[in-house]
C-alpha atoms as a PDB file:
ATOM      1  CA  MET A   1     224.838  19.385  90.569  1.00  0.00           C
ATOM      2  CA  ILE A   2     222.275  21.567  92.661  1.00  0.00           C
ATOM      3  CA  THR A   3     223.674  23.455  95.285  1.00  0.00           C
ATOM      4  CA  PRO A   4     222.380  24.161  98.554  1.00  0.00           C
ATOM      5  CA  ASN A   5     221.158  28.037  97.877  1.00  0.00           C
ATOM      6  CA  GLU A   6     219.761  26.603  94.156  1.00  0.00           C
ATOM      7  CA  LEU A   7     217.609  24.438  96.217  1.00  0.00           C
ATOM      8  CA  PHE A   8     215.965  26.129  98.880  1.00  0.00           C
ATOM      9  CA  SER A   9     215.781  29.267  96.483  1.00  0.00           C
ATOM     10  CA  LEU A  10     213.474  26.847  93.773  1.00  0.00           C
ATOM     11  CA  LEU A  11     211.224  25.391  96.967  1.00  0.00           C
ATOM     12  CA  SER A  12     211.335  29.340  97.742  1.00  0.00           C
ATOM     13  CA  ASP A  13     208.257  29.140  95.362  1.00  0.00           C
ATOM     14  CA  GLU A  14     204.696  27.754  95.944  1.00  0.00           C
ATOM     15  CA  THR A  15     204.094  26.178  92.251  1.00  0.00           C
ATOM     16  CA  ARG A  16     207.561  24.804  92.069  1.00  0.00           C
ATOM     17  CA  LEU A  17     207.320  23.167  96.066  1.00  0.00           C
ATOM     18  CA  ARG A  18     204.076  21.838  94.590  1.00  0.00           C
ATOM     19  CA  CYS A  19     205.324  20.200  91.718  1.00  0.00           C
ATOM     20  CA  LEU A  20     208.587  18.433  94.166  1.00  0.00           C
ATOM     21  CA  VAL A  21     205.430  17.235  96.641  1.00  0.00           C
ATOM     22  CA  LEU A  22     203.864  15.799  93.697  1.00  0.00           C
ATOM     23  CA  LEU A  23     206.887  14.408  92.434  1.00  0.00           C
ATOM     24  CA  GLN A  24     208.277  12.993  95.699  1.00  0.00           C
ATOM     25  CA  LYS A  25     204.877  11.115  96.286  1.00  0.00           C
ATOM     26  CA  GLU A  26     203.788   9.921  92.650  1.00  0.00           C
ATOM     27  CA  GLY A  27     207.388   9.105  91.544  1.00  0.00           C
ATOM     28  CA  GLU A  28     206.549  10.017  88.048  1.00  0.00           C
ATOM     29  CA  LEU A  29     204.269  12.603  86.306  1.00  0.00           C
ATOM     30  CA  CYS A  30     203.896  14.415  82.702  1.00  0.00           C
ATOM     31  CA  VAL A  31     203.230  18.080  82.742  1.00  0.00           C
ATOM     32  CA  CYS A  32     199.713  17.646  81.802  1.00  0.00           C
ATOM     33  CA  GLU A  33     199.088  15.781  84.576  1.00  0.00           C
ATOM     34  CA  ILE A  34     200.412  18.672  86.973  1.00  0.00           C
ATOM     35  CA  SER A  35     198.999  21.095  85.280  1.00  0.00           C
ATOM     36  CA  GLN A  36     195.858  19.468  85.879  1.00  0.00           C
ATOM     37  CA  ILE A  37     196.214  18.965  89.635  1.00  0.00           C
ATOM     38  CA  ILE A  38     197.732  22.555  90.350  1.00  0.00           C
ATOM     39  CA  GLY A  39     195.278  24.372  88.270  1.00  0.00           C
ATOM     40  CA  SER A  40     197.835  25.925  86.375  1.00  0.00           C
ATOM     41  CA  ILE A  41     198.174  26.436  83.078  1.00  0.00           C
ATOM     42  CA  GLN A  42     200.939  24.411  81.140  1.00  0.00           C
ATOM     43  CA  PRO A  43     203.100  26.804  79.682  1.00  0.00           C
ATOM     44  CA  LYS A  44     203.568  28.274  83.159  1.00  0.00           C
ATOM     45  CA  MET A  45     203.710  25.000  84.589  1.00  0.00           C
ATOM     46  CA  SER A  46     206.428  23.925  81.682  1.00  0.00           C
ATOM     47  CA  ARG A  47     208.644  26.971  82.960  1.00  0.00           C
ATOM     48  CA  HIS A  48     208.902  26.130  86.163  1.00  0.00           C
ATOM     49  CA  LEU A  49     210.086  22.524  85.643  1.00  0.00           C
ATOM     50  CA  ALA A  50     212.643  23.637  82.776  1.00  0.00           C
ATOM     51  CA  LEU A  51     213.656  25.914  85.989  1.00  0.00           C
ATOM     52  CA  MET A  52     213.958  22.401  88.500  1.00  0.00           C
ATOM     53  CA  ARG A  53     215.535  20.907  85.826  1.00  0.00           C
ATOM     54  CA  ASN A  54     218.391  23.041  84.701  1.00  0.00           C
ATOM     55  CA  SER A  55     219.299  23.354  88.159  1.00  0.00           C
ATOM     56  CA  GLY A  56     219.310  19.291  88.595  1.00  0.00           C
ATOM     57  CA  LEU A  57     216.910  18.999  90.762  1.00  0.00           C
ATOM     58  CA  VAL A  58     213.945  16.511  88.466  1.00  0.00           C
ATOM     59  CA  SER A  59     214.733  14.890  85.156  1.00  0.00           C
ATOM     60  CA  ASP A  60     212.896  14.397  82.113  1.00  0.00           C
ATOM     61  CA  GLU A  61     212.114  12.430  79.744  1.00  0.00           C
ATOM     62  CA  ARG A  62     209.787  12.572  76.572  1.00  0.00           C
ATOM     63  CA  ARG A  63     207.470  10.019  75.067  1.00  0.00           C
ATOM     64  CA  GLY A  64     206.055  11.297  71.881  1.00  0.00           C
ATOM     65  CA  GLN A  65     204.208  14.394  72.423  1.00  0.00           C
ATOM     66  CA  TRP A  66     204.499  14.798  75.892  1.00  0.00           C
ATOM     67  CA  VAL A  67     207.187  15.187  78.781  1.00  0.00           C
ATOM     68  CA  TYR A  68     207.161  13.287  81.906  1.00  0.00           C
ATOM     69  CA  TYR A  69     209.171  14.495  84.920  1.00  0.00           C
ATOM     70  CA  SER A  70     210.754  12.277  88.210  1.00  0.00           C
ATOM     71  CA  LEU A  71     213.073  13.621  91.052  1.00  0.00           C
ATOM     72  CA  ASN A  72     216.727  13.152  89.425  1.00  0.00           C
ATOM     73  CA  PRO A  73     217.714  10.329  90.937  1.00  0.00           C
ATOM     74  CA  LEU A  74     221.669  11.371  90.992  1.00  0.00           C
ATOM     75  CA  LEU A  75     220.854  14.180  93.772  1.00  0.00           C
ATOM     76  CA  PRO A  76     223.400  14.441  96.468  1.00  0.00           C
ATOM     77  CA  ASP A  77     221.909  12.583 100.048  1.00  0.00           C
ATOM     78  CA  TRP A  78     221.945  15.969 101.620  1.00  0.00           C
ATOM     79  CA  ALA A  79     218.870  17.095  99.075  1.00  0.00           C
ATOM     80  CA  LYS A  80     217.357  13.763  98.979  1.00  0.00           C
ATOM     81  CA  LYS A  81     216.549  14.277 102.509  1.00  0.00           C
ATOM     82  CA  ILE A  82     215.476  17.554 102.685  1.00  0.00           C
ATOM     83  CA  ILE A  83     212.754  16.324 100.007  1.00  0.00           C
ATOM     84  CA  ALA A  84     211.879  13.233 101.929  1.00  0.00           C
ATOM     85  CA  SER A  85     211.168  15.522 104.790  1.00  0.00           C
ATOM     86  CA  THR A  86     209.520  18.059 102.954  1.00  0.00           C
ATOM     87  CA  LEU A  87     206.734  15.731 102.016  1.00  0.00           C
ATOM     88  CA  GLU A  88     206.314  14.117 105.542  1.00  0.00           C
ATOM     89  CA  ASN A  89     205.877  17.487 107.242  1.00  0.00           C
ATOM     90  CA  LEU A  90     203.620  18.691 104.190  1.00  0.00           C
ATOM     91  CA  GLN A  91     201.328  15.889 102.908  1.00  0.00           C
ATOM     92  CA  LYS A  92     198.645  16.519 105.463  1.00  0.00           C
ATOM     93  CA  GLU A  93     198.830  20.282 104.498  1.00  0.00           C
ATOM     94  CA  GLU A  94     196.545  22.440 102.023  1.00  0.00           C
ATOM     95  CA  PRO A  95     197.531  22.502  98.928  1.00  0.00           C
ATOM     96  CA  TYR A  96     199.447  19.642  99.168  1.00  0.00           C
ATOM     97  CA  SER A  97     197.333  17.191 101.089  1.00  0.00           C
ATOM     98  CA  LEU A  98     194.282  18.646  98.227  1.00  0.00           C
ATOM     99  CA  ASP A  99     197.058  18.075  95.515  1.00  0.00           C
ATOM    100  CA  ILE A 100     198.268  14.499  96.497  1.00  0.00           C
ATOM    101  CA  ASP A 101     193.947  13.158  96.699  1.00  0.00           C
ATOM    102  CA  LYS A 102     193.827  14.591  93.439  1.00  0.00           C
ATOM    103  CA  ILE A 103     196.603  11.983  91.576  1.00  0.00           C
ATOM    104  CA  SER A 104     194.644   8.718  92.112  1.00  0.00           C
ATOM    105  CA  SER A 105     191.406  10.441  90.430  1.00  0.00           C
ATOM    106  CA  LEU A 106     193.527  12.181  88.040  1.00  0.00           C
ATOM    107  CA  LYS A 107     195.912   8.587  87.166  1.00  0.00           C
ATOM    108  CA  LYS A 108     192.037   6.536  86.539  1.00  0.00           C
ATOM    109  CA  GLU A 109     191.220   9.760  83.682  1.00  0.00           C
ATOM    110  CA  ASN A 110     194.252   8.765  81.944  1.00  0.00           C
ATOM    111  CA  ILE A 111     194.120  12.925  81.081  1.00  0.00           C
ATOM    112  CA  CYS A 112     197.771  12.864  78.709  1.00  0.00           C
ATOM    113  CA  ASN A 113     195.539   9.503  76.339  1.00  0.00           C
ATOM    114  CA  SER A 114     192.842  11.385  76.493  1.00  0.00           C
ATOM    115  CA  LYS A 115     194.010  14.232  75.707  1.00  0.00           C
ATOM    116  CA  LEU A 116     195.759  12.552  72.206  1.00  0.00           C
ATOM    117  CA  LYS A 117     193.053  10.820  70.980  1.00  0.00           C
ATOM    118  CA  LEU A 118     191.367  14.183  71.129  1.00  0.00           C
ATOM    119  CA  ALA A 119     194.262  15.317  68.518  1.00  0.00           C
ATOM    120  CA  GLU A 120     194.146  12.677  66.677  1.00  0.00           C
END
């Protein structure tokens, strides 16, 4: 399971911290949604999310060609408290507040299904 050093090391990167705040706020997001919200290319986001998955911070689930990420439900209580406090204290600060604002409009667009239709 994740250690305190691993958690804080992962959170020292702004991209990973932004991902964590989004996942804490939304519960579950597809890698394409996270890429769109943060404004980064999908391979870069996948690398960051893989680091977080390998440490046990997040879980992933493949659905067709998409990979959905969420916080690992088996995280120790101390880690859950740190993550909850992080969201509580950063959700009104930029760029985190802007990221959170983008979630609802992005969900309405349903970009994962739109990309799937384009690929067919």
